[in-house]
Amino acid sequence: MEARQKDHLVKQVTNYLTPEHKRFCANRGYPYRLGMLLYGPPGTGKTSFAVALAGNFELDVYILNLGDKSLTDKRVETLFAALPDKCVVLL
């Protein structure tokens, strides 16, 4: 990943985690969440980058395997409801 791309993603997370952004979302009725799609061939560092980013901001990492045959829509909903306010979820 290029340094410019990494810097942009770090800035996005930094902004997201500010109290001002949380208030901005609350005042407008927006959900307080940030989604990022990291894509590329296997072995190119997507998971490593996400884990390093989480570590940089001292966030816990949760991994959800969508290929799990026992995973239902209701179970996904229950799992997401149980997540802490600030964390990283890898799908």
Protein backbone atom coordinates (compact mmCIF):
# COMPACT_ATOMS: atom_id res chain seq x y z
CA MET A 1 0.00 0.00 0.00
CA GLU A 2 1.32 3.42 -0.91
CA ALA A 3 2.23 5.80 1.93
CA ARG A 4 -0.31 8.31 0.61
CA GLN A 5 -3.11 5.75 0.90
CA LYS A 6 -2.03 4.71 4.40
CA ASP A 7 -1.88 8.34 5.54
CA HIS A 8 -5.36 8.97 4.16
CA LEU A 9 -6.83 5.98 6.02
CA VAL A 10 -5.09 6.95 9.27
CA LYS A 11 -6.49 10.49 8.94
CA GLN A 12 -9.99 9.08 8.38
CA VAL A 13 -9.80 6.99 11.56
CA THR A 14 -8.25 9.86 13.53
CA ASN A 15 -11.13 12.14 12.49
CA TYR A 16 -13.72 9.45 13.17
CA LEU A 17 -12.52 8.94 16.74
CA THR A 18 -12.77 12.62 17.73
CA PRO A 19 -15.54 13.68 20.13
CA GLU A 20 -16.51 16.35 17.58
CA HIS A 21 -17.26 13.72 14.94
CA LYS A 22 -19.29 11.65 17.39
CA ARG A 23 -21.36 14.76 18.24
CA PHE A 24 -21.71 15.58 14.54
CA CYS A 25 -23.22 12.14 13.90
CA ALA A 26 -25.46 12.28 16.98
CA ASN A 27 -26.78 15.76 16.11
CA ARG A 28 -27.79 14.61 12.63
CA GLY A 29 -29.05 11.17 13.53
CA TYR A 30 -26.28 9.43 11.57
CA PRO A 31 -25.01 6.06 12.77
CA TYR A 32 -21.62 6.43 14.44
CA ARG A 33 -19.60 3.94 12.42
CA LEU A 34 -16.91 3.93 9.78
CA GLY A 35 -16.60 1.33 7.05
CA MET A 36 -13.54 0.70 4.93
CA LEU A 37 -13.15 -1.74 2.10
CA LEU A 38 -9.60 -2.98 1.68
CA TYR A 39 -9.25 -5.08 -1.43
CA GLY A 40 -6.57 -6.89 -3.32
CA PRO A 41 -5.14 -10.35 -3.87
CA PRO A 42 -4.49 -12.62 -0.89
CA GLY A 43 -1.22 -11.95 0.89
CA THR A 44 -0.99 -8.24 0.09
CA GLY A 45 -1.31 -7.04 3.70
CA LYS A 46 -4.97 -6.08 4.07
CA THR A 47 -5.49 -7.89 7.36
CA SER A 48 -2.05 -6.90 8.65
CA PHE A 49 -2.79 -3.26 7.88
CA ALA A 50 -6.19 -3.40 9.60
CA VAL A 51 -4.66 -5.01 12.70
CA ALA A 52 -1.81 -2.46 12.74
CA LEU A 53 -4.32 0.37 12.37
CA ALA A 54 -6.36 -1.01 15.26
CA GLY A 55 -3.21 -1.32 17.36
CA ASN A 56 -2.22 2.25 16.57
CA PHE A 57 -5.53 3.47 18.03
CA GLU A 58 -5.63 0.84 20.82
CA LEU A 59 -8.80 -0.77 19.44
CA ASP A 60 -9.78 -4.40 19.86
CA VAL A 61 -10.06 -6.51 16.70
CA TYR A 62 -12.94 -8.91 16.05
CA ILE A 63 -13.03 -11.31 13.10
CA LEU A 64 -16.29 -12.59 11.66
CA ASN A 65 -16.05 -15.49 9.22
CA LEU A 66 -18.98 -15.05 6.85
CA GLY A 67 -18.32 -18.53 5.48
CA ASP A 68 -19.45 -20.13 8.73
CA LYS A 69 -22.41 -22.36 7.82
CA SER A 70 -24.08 -21.78 11.21
CA LEU A 71 -24.09 -18.00 10.77
CA THR A 72 -27.59 -16.59 10.29
CA ASP A 73 -28.78 -13.02 9.80
CA LYS A 74 -30.08 -13.03 13.37
CA ARG A 75 -26.73 -14.28 14.71
CA VAL A 76 -24.83 -11.55 12.83
CA GLU A 77 -27.23 -8.97 14.26
CA THR A 78 -26.69 -10.35 17.77
CA LEU A 79 -22.91 -10.38 17.39
CA PHE A 80 -22.79 -6.79 16.12
CA ALA A 81 -25.08 -5.63 18.93
CA ALA A 82 -22.63 -7.06 21.45
CA LEU A 83 -19.60 -5.20 20.06
CA PRO A 84 -17.99 -2.42 22.09
CA ASP A 85 -18.46 1.16 20.89
CA LYS A 86 -14.95 1.41 19.49
CA CYS A 87 -13.41 -1.61 17.80
CA VAL A 88 -12.36 -2.99 14.42
CA VAL A 89 -14.40 -5.76 12.79
CA LEU A 90 -12.85 -7.78 9.98
CA LEU A 91 -15.21 -9.65 7.67
